[in-house]
């Protein structure tokens, strides 16, 4: 079998450069608003909420609200692996691929990872919601905020509705608490004044 033609290899390399450029801009600080809007889009889609992209709006950096969607006021926080260096790793790969003249040049030393221990997804979400609720930045604003936690922590169990403790969540003071884990979205708690699609069935 003959080697891959040079023109094909060049096309593959250019495609890699475009792909990593997109990832680099998505995961760096400048891409924060894009990531937050993407989280809301995924969350709404998984809840089967019909929406238009123009309805999902980033807010000013000084605002306690990250993204507005109709009457929802989302404060979005990611729960990553402990010690995650994703942004730095994506940046390093992007610069290596950008400088590459051949596909072979894109290959670097694999990053070393500590595999986190198994953990309860519900406990992760509950503890993060409590930590943020006690943060002075949110104490006065949380009653009008819809907390959306995006869980990227590996080896975390999916949150099951049967695990949800409405009483402990309601005491935290958020208007609503929801999470997005992979392809699953779940509203854990929503007060009666929360947007209709975020009102918890048991609240």
Protein backbone atom coordinates (compact mmCIF):
# COMPACT_ATOMS: atom_id res chain seq x y z
CA UNK A 1 0.00 0.00 0.00
CA UNK A 2 1.44 3.38 -0.98
CA UNK A 3 2.04 6.15 1.50
CA UNK A 4 -0.60 8.82 1.91
CA UNK A 5 -0.10 11.50 -0.80
CA UNK A 6 1.61 14.68 0.37
CA UNK A 7 -1.40 16.83 -0.54
CA UNK A 8 -3.67 14.66 1.63
CA UNK A 9 -1.25 14.94 4.55
CA UNK A 10 -1.17 18.72 4.14
CA UNK A 11 -4.97 18.82 4.23
CA UNK A 12 -5.05 16.70 7.39
CA UNK A 13 -2.48 18.96 9.04
CA UNK A 14 -4.43 22.09 8.12
CA UNK A 15 -7.63 20.52 9.46
CA UNK A 16 -5.83 19.72 12.73
CA UNK A 17 -4.65 23.31 13.00
CA UNK A 18 -8.18 24.65 12.46
CA UNK A 19 -9.60 22.20 15.01
CA UNK A 20 -7.06 23.02 17.71
CA UNK A 21 -7.40 26.75 17.04
CA UNK A 22 -11.14 26.38 17.70
CA UNK A 23 -10.48 24.43 20.93
CA UNK A 24 -7.86 26.96 22.05
CA UNK A 25 -10.24 29.91 21.65
CA UNK A 26 -13.08 27.96 23.29
CA UNK A 27 -11.12 27.01 26.42
CA UNK A 28 -9.05 30.14 27.05
CA UNK A 29 -10.23 33.08 29.15
CA UNK A 30 -11.56 34.95 26.13
CA UNK A 31 -13.83 32.01 25.38
CA UNK A 32 -15.54 32.02 28.78
CA UNK A 33 -18.76 33.58 27.50
CA UNK A 34 -18.90 31.17 24.57
CA UNK A 35 -18.45 28.19 26.93
CA UNK A 36 -21.16 29.46 29.26
CA UNK A 37 -23.65 29.93 26.44
CA UNK A 38 -22.79 26.45 25.15
CA UNK A 39 -23.50 24.96 28.61
CA UNK A 40 -26.92 26.65 28.66
CA UNK A 41 -27.65 25.46 25.11
CA UNK A 42 -26.78 21.86 26.05
CA UNK A 43 -28.78 22.09 29.28
CA UNK A 44 -31.89 23.39 27.54
CA UNK A 45 -31.58 20.83 24.76
CA UNK A 46 -31.35 17.96 27.26
CA UNK A 47 -34.45 19.29 29.01
CA UNK A 48 -36.25 19.40 25.65
CA UNK A 49 -36.78 23.17 25.94
CA UNK A 50 -37.27 24.84 22.56
CA UNK A 51 -35.16 27.97 22.16
CA UNK A 52 -33.48 30.31 19.72
CA UNK A 53 -29.77 31.04 20.01
CA UNK A 54 -30.54 34.76 20.19
CA UNK A 55 -32.43 34.11 23.46
CA UNK A 56 -29.24 32.96 25.22
CA UNK A 57 -27.39 36.12 26.18
CA UNK A 58 -24.11 36.66 28.03
CA UNK A 59 -24.13 39.42 30.61
CA UNK A 60 -21.53 41.99 31.63
CA UNK A 61 -18.51 40.61 33.52
CA UNK A 62 -19.47 42.63 36.59
CA UNK A 63 -22.90 40.97 36.73
CA UNK A 64 -23.66 38.08 39.08
CA UNK A 65 -25.62 36.61 36.15
CA UNK A 66 -23.48 34.83 33.55
CA UNK A 67 -26.20 34.05 31.02
CA UNK A 68 -29.83 35.13 30.69
CA UNK A 69 -32.42 32.98 28.97
CA UNK A 70 -35.91 34.51 29.03
CA UNK A 71 -36.61 34.91 32.77
CA UNK A 72 -33.82 32.52 33.82
CA UNK A 73 -30.72 34.11 35.36
CA UNK A 74 -27.96 31.51 35.20
CA UNK A 75 -24.84 31.52 37.33
CA UNK A 76 -22.66 28.82 35.76
CA UNK A 77 -19.86 26.91 37.47
CA UNK A 78 -17.85 23.95 36.24
CA UNK A 79 -16.86 21.07 38.52
CA UNK A 80 -13.69 19.67 36.88
CA UNK A 81 -11.21 17.03 37.96
CA UNK A 82 -9.09 18.07 40.96
CA UNK A 83 -5.98 19.93 39.75
CA UNK A 84 -7.31 20.14 36.19
CA UNK A 85 -4.95 22.00 33.82
CA UNK A 86 -7.13 21.71 30.72
CA UNK A 87 -6.61 25.28 29.54
CA UNK A 88 -2.82 25.05 29.81
CA UNK A 89 -2.78 21.65 28.08
CA UNK A 90 -4.97 22.83 25.20
CA UNK A 91 -2.73 25.89 24.82
CA UNK A 92 0.42 23.74 24.69
CA UNK A 93 -1.04 21.37 22.08
CA UNK A 94 -2.40 24.29 20.03
CA UNK A 95 0.99 25.98 19.82
CA UNK A 96 2.71 22.66 18.95
CA UNK A 97 0.20 21.91 16.19
CA UNK A 98 0.33 25.49 14.90
CA UNK A 99 4.11 25.28 14.51
CA UNK A 100 4.05 21.80 12.96
CA UNK A 101 5.27 21.33 9.41
CA UNK A 102 4.38 17.64 9.29
CA UNK A 103 1.81 15.47 11.05
CA UNK A 104 4.68 13.80 12.92
CA UNK A 105 5.56 17.21 14.43
CA UNK A 106 2.19 17.33 16.17
CA UNK A 107 3.04 14.35 18.38
CA UNK A 108 4.30 15.34 21.82
CA UNK A 109 4.88 13.82 25.22
CA UNK A 110 1.58 12.62 26.70
CA UNK A 111 0.34 14.56 29.70
CA UNK A 112 0.46 12.75 33.03
CA UNK A 113 -2.85 12.52 34.88
CA UNK A 114 -3.78 11.49 38.38
CA UNK A 115 -6.92 9.39 38.12
CA UNK A 116 -9.40 10.83 40.63
CA UNK A 117 -11.18 8.39 42.95
CA UNK A 118 -14.84 7.49 42.32
CA UNK A 119 -17.20 10.06 43.80
CA UNK A 120 -20.92 10.67 44.16
CA UNK A 121 -22.15 13.09 41.52
CA UNK A 122 -24.89 14.33 43.83
CA UNK A 123 -22.45 15.03 46.64
CA UNK A 124 -20.22 16.96 44.24
CA UNK A 125 -23.12 19.13 43.11
CA UNK A 126 -24.58 19.57 46.60
CA UNK A 127 -21.23 20.52 48.14
CA UNK A 128 -20.39 22.97 45.32
CA UNK A 129 -23.82 24.60 45.61
CA UNK A 130 -23.31 24.98 49.37
CA UNK A 131 -19.78 26.35 48.95
CA UNK A 132 -20.95 28.99 46.48
CA UNK A 133 -24.01 29.84 48.59
CA UNK A 134 -21.69 30.75 51.47
CA UNK A 135 -19.41 32.84 49.25
CA UNK A 136 -19.79 36.55 49.99
CA UNK A 137 -20.04 37.26 46.24
CA UNK A 138 -23.38 35.47 46.06
CA UNK A 139 -24.96 35.81 49.50
CA UNK A 140 -27.11 38.81 48.58
CA UNK A 141 -27.74 37.84 44.95
CA UNK A 142 -28.37 34.08 45.13
CA UNK A 143 -32.11 34.38 45.83
CA UNK A 144 -32.55 35.65 42.27
CA UNK A 145 -29.99 33.34 40.64
CA UNK A 146 -30.41 29.99 38.91
CA UNK A 147 -27.29 27.98 39.69
CA UNK A 148 -26.22 25.66 36.86
CA UNK A 149 -23.36 23.29 37.65
CA UNK A 150 -21.52 21.72 34.72
CA UNK A 151 -19.85 18.52 35.92
CA UNK A 152 -16.78 17.42 33.96
CA UNK A 153 -15.25 15.51 36.87
CA UNK A 154 -14.41 11.99 35.73
CA UNK A 155 -15.50 8.89 37.67
CA UNK A 156 -18.48 10.74 39.14
CA UNK A 157 -21.76 8.87 39.34
CA UNK A 158 -24.77 10.33 37.56
CA UNK A 159 -27.08 12.28 39.83
CA UNK A 160 -30.30 10.39 40.44
CA UNK A 161 -33.53 12.17 41.34
CA UNK A 162 -33.97 9.79 44.29
CA UNK A 163 -30.79 11.21 45.88
CA UNK A 164 -31.98 14.80 45.85
CA UNK A 165 -32.64 16.30 49.28
CA UNK A 166 -34.96 19.23 48.65
CA UNK A 167 -34.75 20.48 52.22
CA UNK A 168 -30.97 20.86 52.25
CA UNK A 169 -30.96 22.48 48.81
CA UNK A 170 -33.74 24.93 49.67
CA UNK A 171 -31.83 26.10 52.75
CA UNK A 172 -28.91 27.21 50.57
CA UNK A 173 -30.96 30.13 49.23
CA UNK A 174 -30.65 29.71 45.45
CA UNK A 175 -33.71 30.31 43.30
CA UNK A 176 -32.94 27.03 41.56
CA UNK A 177 -30.13 24.47 41.38
CA UNK A 178 -29.50 22.37 38.27
CA UNK A 179 -26.70 20.31 36.78
CA UNK A 180 -25.41 19.15 33.41
CA UNK A 181 -23.37 15.93 33.36
CA UNK A 182 -22.39 14.67 29.93
CA UNK A 183 -25.63 14.19 28.01
CA UNK A 184 -27.83 14.43 31.09
CA UNK A 185 -29.51 17.54 32.49
CA UNK A 186 -31.34 17.58 35.79
CA UNK A 187 -33.17 20.25 37.77
CA UNK A 188 -32.51 19.43 41.42
CA UNK A 189 -34.46 22.22 43.05
CA UNK A 190 -36.53 25.20 42.00
CA UNK A 191 -38.58 27.59 44.11
CA UNK A 192 -42.08 28.64 43.14
CA UNK A 193 -40.70 31.93 41.78
CA UNK A 194 -38.19 30.17 39.50
CA UNK A 195 -38.85 30.01 35.75
CA UNK A 196 -41.49 27.41 34.95
CA UNK A 197 -39.08 24.97 33.30
CA UNK A 198 -36.86 25.07 36.41
CA UNK A 199 -39.52 24.43 39.01
CA UNK A 200 -38.83 21.19 40.79
CA UNK A 201 -41.78 18.82 40.72
CA UNK A 202 -41.42 18.17 44.43
CA UNK A 203 -40.92 21.75 45.60
